[in-house]
Amino acid sequence: MKIDHDVLLFATRLVEELGESAIRISRVRLVELTAANNLRAAAFWRDVMHTSERLLAERSPALAPPPTSSPVAPPVASVMSAQPATL
């Protein structure tokens, strides 16, 4: 697999700054350049779009909060019932 460092750098920067919008923006740019018959630039943006999709897919599981297996503090109801009522 050939790695184009320009594509990787550009896609990484887009994803960092724009998040999910990076894919949409690169797709719009790809369509514009394809319509203008600029095949070399369109190929670059196609690679940027695919790399952005891959980067976002790799980043998404890392952003999800880890599942909690046990509560840190006891529920409020159990704390209230354990304390004797004083007047």
N, C-alpha and C. Protein backbone atom coordinates (compact mmCIF):
# COMPACT_ATOMS: atom_id res chain seq x y z
N MET A 1 0.84 -1.17 0.00
CA MET A 1 0.00 0.00 0.00
C MET A 1 0.89 1.24 0.00
N LYS A 2 0.66 2.09 -0.94
CA LYS A 2 1.44 3.33 -1.06
C LYS A 2 0.84 4.39 -0.15
N ILE A 3 1.69 5.03 0.65
CA ILE A 3 1.24 6.09 1.55
C ILE A 3 1.64 7.43 0.96
N ASP A 4 0.64 8.26 0.71
CA ASP A 4 0.91 9.61 0.25
C ASP A 4 0.90 10.51 1.49
N HIS A 5 2.04 11.00 1.86
CA HIS A 5 2.17 11.78 3.09
C HIS A 5 1.40 13.09 3.02
N ASP A 6 1.30 13.68 1.83
CA ASP A 6 0.52 14.92 1.68
C ASP A 6 -0.95 14.67 1.97
N VAL A 7 -1.47 13.57 1.46
CA VAL A 7 -2.87 13.22 1.70
C VAL A 7 -3.09 12.96 3.18
N LEU A 8 -2.21 12.20 3.80
CA LEU A 8 -2.34 11.88 5.22
C LEU A 8 -2.28 13.13 6.08
N LEU A 9 -1.33 14.01 5.79
CA LEU A 9 -1.21 15.25 6.55
C LEU A 9 -2.44 16.13 6.38
N PHE A 10 -2.91 16.27 5.16
CA PHE A 10 -4.06 17.12 4.89
C PHE A 10 -5.32 16.56 5.54
N ALA A 11 -5.54 15.26 5.41
CA ALA A 11 -6.72 14.62 5.99
C ALA A 11 -6.69 14.70 7.51
N THR A 12 -5.52 14.49 8.09
CA THR A 12 -5.39 14.57 9.55
C THR A 12 -5.72 15.96 10.05
N ARG A 13 -5.24 16.95 9.37
CA ARG A 13 -5.50 18.34 9.76
C ARG A 13 -6.99 18.68 9.61
N LEU A 14 -7.60 18.24 8.53
CA LEU A 14 -9.03 18.46 8.33
C LEU A 14 -9.86 17.82 9.44
N VAL A 15 -9.53 16.59 9.77
CA VAL A 15 -10.28 15.88 10.81
C VAL A 15 -10.09 16.54 12.17
N GLU A 16 -8.87 16.99 12.46
CA GLU A 16 -8.62 17.65 13.73
C GLU A 16 -9.41 18.94 13.86
N GLU A 17 -9.46 19.71 12.79
CA GLU A 17 -10.10 21.02 12.85
C GLU A 17 -11.60 20.98 12.61
N LEU A 18 -12.07 20.06 11.77
CA LEU A 18 -13.47 20.08 11.37
C LEU A 18 -14.27 18.87 11.82
N GLY A 19 -13.61 17.83 12.26
CA GLY A 19 -14.33 16.63 12.72
C GLY A 19 -15.10 15.98 11.58
N GLU A 20 -16.38 15.69 11.83
CA GLU A 20 -17.24 15.00 10.86
C GLU A 20 -17.40 15.80 9.56
N SER A 21 -17.29 17.12 9.62
CA SER A 21 -17.45 17.96 8.43
C SER A 21 -16.33 17.77 7.42
N ALA A 22 -15.23 17.21 7.83
CA ALA A 22 -14.09 17.01 6.93
C ALA A 22 -14.48 16.13 5.74
N ILE A 23 -15.29 15.12 5.99
CA ILE A 23 -15.70 14.22 4.91
C ILE A 23 -16.59 14.96 3.92
N ARG A 24 -17.53 15.72 4.44
CA ARG A 24 -18.45 16.45 3.57
C ARG A 24 -17.71 17.48 2.72
N ILE A 25 -16.80 18.20 3.33
CA ILE A 25 -16.05 19.22 2.60
C ILE A 25 -15.16 18.59 1.53
N SER A 26 -14.50 17.50 1.86
CA SER A 26 -13.65 16.85 0.86
C SER A 26 -14.48 16.25 -0.27
N ARG A 27 -15.69 15.77 0.04
CA ARG A 27 -16.56 15.24 -1.01
C ARG A 27 -17.04 16.34 -1.95
N VAL A 28 -17.38 17.50 -1.39
CA VAL A 28 -17.81 18.64 -2.21
C VAL A 28 -16.68 19.08 -3.12
N ARG A 29 -15.48 19.17 -2.57
CA ARG A 29 -14.32 19.57 -3.37
C ARG A 29 -14.04 18.55 -4.47
N LEU A 30 -14.20 17.27 -4.17
CA LEU A 30 -14.01 16.21 -5.16
C LEU A 30 -15.00 16.37 -6.31
N VAL A 31 -16.26 16.63 -5.99
CA VAL A 31 -17.28 16.80 -7.03
C VAL A 31 -16.98 18.03 -7.89
N GLU A 32 -16.58 19.12 -7.26
CA GLU A 32 -16.25 20.33 -8.01
C GLU A 32 -15.10 20.09 -8.99
N LEU A 33 -14.06 19.40 -8.52
CA LEU A 33 -12.90 19.18 -9.38
C LEU A 33 -13.18 18.15 -10.47
N THR A 34 -14.02 17.19 -10.16
CA THR A 34 -14.41 16.22 -11.19
C THR A 34 -15.22 16.91 -12.28
N ALA A 35 -16.12 17.78 -11.88
CA ALA A 35 -16.93 18.52 -12.85
C ALA A 35 -16.06 19.45 -13.71
N ALA A 36 -15.00 19.96 -13.13
CA ALA A 36 -14.08 20.83 -13.87
C ALA A 36 -13.08 20.04 -14.69
N ASN A 37 -13.16 18.71 -14.62
CA ASN A 37 -12.29 17.81 -15.36
C ASN A 37 -10.82 17.95 -14.94
N ASN A 38 -10.61 18.25 -13.67
CA ASN A 38 -9.27 18.31 -13.12
C ASN A 38 -9.01 16.98 -12.40
N LEU A 39 -8.61 15.99 -13.16
CA LEU A 39 -8.53 14.62 -12.67
C LEU A 39 -7.44 14.42 -11.62
N ARG A 40 -6.34 15.09 -11.76
CA ARG A 40 -5.25 14.93 -10.78
C ARG A 40 -5.66 15.47 -9.42
N ALA A 41 -6.25 16.66 -9.39
CA ALA A 41 -6.71 17.24 -8.12
C ALA A 41 -7.87 16.44 -7.55
N ALA A 42 -8.74 15.93 -8.42
CA ALA A 42 -9.86 15.10 -7.96
C ALA A 42 -9.35 13.82 -7.30
N ALA A 43 -8.30 13.24 -7.85
CA ALA A 43 -7.73 12.03 -7.26
C ALA A 43 -7.16 12.34 -5.87
N PHE A 44 -6.53 13.49 -5.72
CA PHE A 44 -6.01 13.90 -4.41
C PHE A 44 -7.14 14.01 -3.40
N TRP A 45 -8.23 14.70 -3.76
CA TRP A 45 -9.34 14.89 -2.83
C TRP A 45 -10.09 13.60 -2.56
N ARG A 46 -10.10 12.68 -3.52
CA ARG A 46 -10.71 11.37 -3.28
C ARG A 46 -9.92 10.63 -2.20
N ASP A 47 -8.59 10.69 -2.30
CA ASP A 47 -7.75 10.07 -1.28
C ASP A 47 -7.92 10.75 0.08
N VAL A 48 -8.04 12.08 0.07
CA VAL A 48 -8.25 12.82 1.32
C VAL A 48 -9.59 12.40 1.95
N MET A 49 -10.62 12.26 1.15
CA MET A 49 -11.93 11.87 1.65
C MET A 49 -11.86 10.47 2.29
N HIS A 50 -11.25 9.52 1.61
CA HIS A 50 -11.16 8.16 2.14
C HIS A 50 -10.29 8.10 3.41
N THR A 51 -9.21 8.86 3.41
CA THR A 51 -8.34 8.89 4.58
C THR A 51 -9.05 9.54 5.77
N SER A 52 -9.82 10.60 5.50
CA SER A 52 -10.59 11.25 6.56
C SER A 52 -11.62 10.29 7.15
N GLU A 53 -12.28 9.53 6.29
CA GLU A 53 -13.25 8.54 6.77
C GLU A 53 -12.57 7.51 7.67
N ARG A 54 -11.41 7.06 7.26
CA ARG A 54 -10.67 6.07 8.05
C ARG A 54 -10.23 6.64 9.39
N LEU A 55 -9.73 7.88 9.37
CA LEU A 55 -9.28 8.51 10.60
C LEU A 55 -10.44 8.72 11.57
N LEU A 56 -11.58 9.13 11.05
CA LEU A 56 -12.74 9.32 11.92
C LEU A 56 -13.25 8.00 12.48
N ALA A 57 -13.18 6.94 11.68
CA ALA A 57 -13.61 5.63 12.16
C ALA A 57 -12.68 5.12 13.26
N GLU A 58 -11.40 5.39 13.14
CA GLU A 58 -10.44 4.98 14.16
C GLU A 58 -10.58 5.83 15.42
N ARG A 59 -10.94 7.08 15.26
CA ARG A 59 -11.04 8.01 16.38
C ARG A 59 -12.34 7.85 17.16
N SER A 60 -13.40 7.42 16.53
CA SER A 60 -14.70 7.33 17.18
C SER A 60 -14.72 6.42 18.40
N PRO A 61 -14.19 5.20 18.36
CA PRO A 61 -14.20 4.38 19.56
C PRO A 61 -13.38 4.98 20.70
N ALA A 62 -12.36 5.73 20.38
CA ALA A 62 -11.53 6.34 21.42
C ALA A 62 -12.27 7.46 22.14
N LEU A 63 -13.22 8.10 21.47
CA LEU A 63 -13.95 9.20 22.08
C LEU A 63 -15.10 8.73 22.94
N ALA A 64 -15.56 7.52 22.75
CA ALA A 64 -16.68 7.02 23.54
C ALA A 64 -16.24 6.80 24.97
N PRO A 65 -17.10 7.18 25.93
CA PRO A 65 -16.71 6.98 27.32
C PRO A 65 -16.66 5.51 27.66
N PRO A 66 -15.74 5.11 28.52
CA PRO A 66 -15.63 3.69 28.87
C PRO A 66 -16.85 3.26 29.68
N PRO A 67 -17.32 2.04 29.47
CA PRO A 67 -18.48 1.57 30.23
C PRO A 67 -18.11 1.40 31.70
N THR A 68 -19.03 1.76 32.57
CA THR A 68 -18.77 1.62 34.00
C THR A 68 -19.27 0.26 34.45
N SER A 69 -18.41 -0.47 35.15
CA SER A 69 -18.79 -1.81 35.60
C SER A 69 -19.39 -1.79 37.00
N SER A 70 -18.92 -0.86 37.84
CA SER A 70 -19.49 -0.77 39.19
C SER A 70 -19.59 0.70 39.58
N PRO A 71 -20.60 1.06 40.32
CA PRO A 71 -20.74 2.46 40.71
C PRO A 71 -19.65 2.86 41.69
N VAL A 72 -19.23 4.10 41.62
CA VAL A 72 -18.18 4.61 42.49
C VAL A 72 -18.74 4.89 43.88
N ALA A 73 -19.91 5.49 43.93
CA ALA A 73 -20.54 5.83 45.21
C ALA A 73 -21.82 5.04 45.37
N PRO A 74 -22.23 4.74 46.60
CA PRO A 74 -23.48 4.01 46.78
C PRO A 74 -24.66 4.90 46.40
N PRO A 75 -25.76 4.31 46.00
CA PRO A 75 -26.93 5.11 45.64
C PRO A 75 -27.40 5.94 46.83
N VAL A 76 -28.02 7.06 46.54
CA VAL A 76 -28.48 7.98 47.57
C VAL A 76 -29.49 7.31 48.50
N ALA A 77 -30.38 6.48 48.01
CA ALA A 77 -31.41 5.83 48.82
C ALA A 77 -30.78 4.95 49.88
N SER A 78 -29.71 4.22 49.56
CA SER A 78 -29.08 3.35 50.55
C SER A 78 -28.35 4.15 51.61
N VAL A 79 -27.79 5.30 51.25
CA VAL A 79 -27.12 6.15 52.22
C VAL A 79 -28.14 6.75 53.17
N MET A 80 -29.28 7.18 52.65
CA MET A 80 -30.33 7.80 53.48
C MET A 80 -30.92 6.79 54.46
N SER A 81 -31.11 5.55 54.05
CA SER A 81 -31.72 4.56 54.93
C SER A 81 -30.74 4.04 55.99
N ALA A 82 -29.43 4.18 55.74
CA ALA A 82 -28.43 3.69 56.69
C ALA A 82 -28.24 4.65 57.86
N GLN A 83 -28.56 5.93 57.68
CA GLN A 83 -28.37 6.90 58.74
C GLN A 83 -29.62 6.97 59.62
N PRO A 84 -29.47 6.96 60.93
CA PRO A 84 -30.63 7.07 61.80
C PRO A 84 -31.18 8.50 61.80
N ALA A 85 -32.45 8.61 61.91
CA ALA A 85 -33.10 9.92 61.91
C ALA A 85 -33.00 10.51 63.30
N THR A 86 -32.50 11.72 63.37
CA THR A 86 -32.42 12.42 64.67
C THR A 86 -33.17 13.71 64.62
N LEU A 87 -33.81 14.06 65.70
CA LEU A 87 -34.55 15.32 65.78
C LEU A 87 -33.99 16.21 66.83
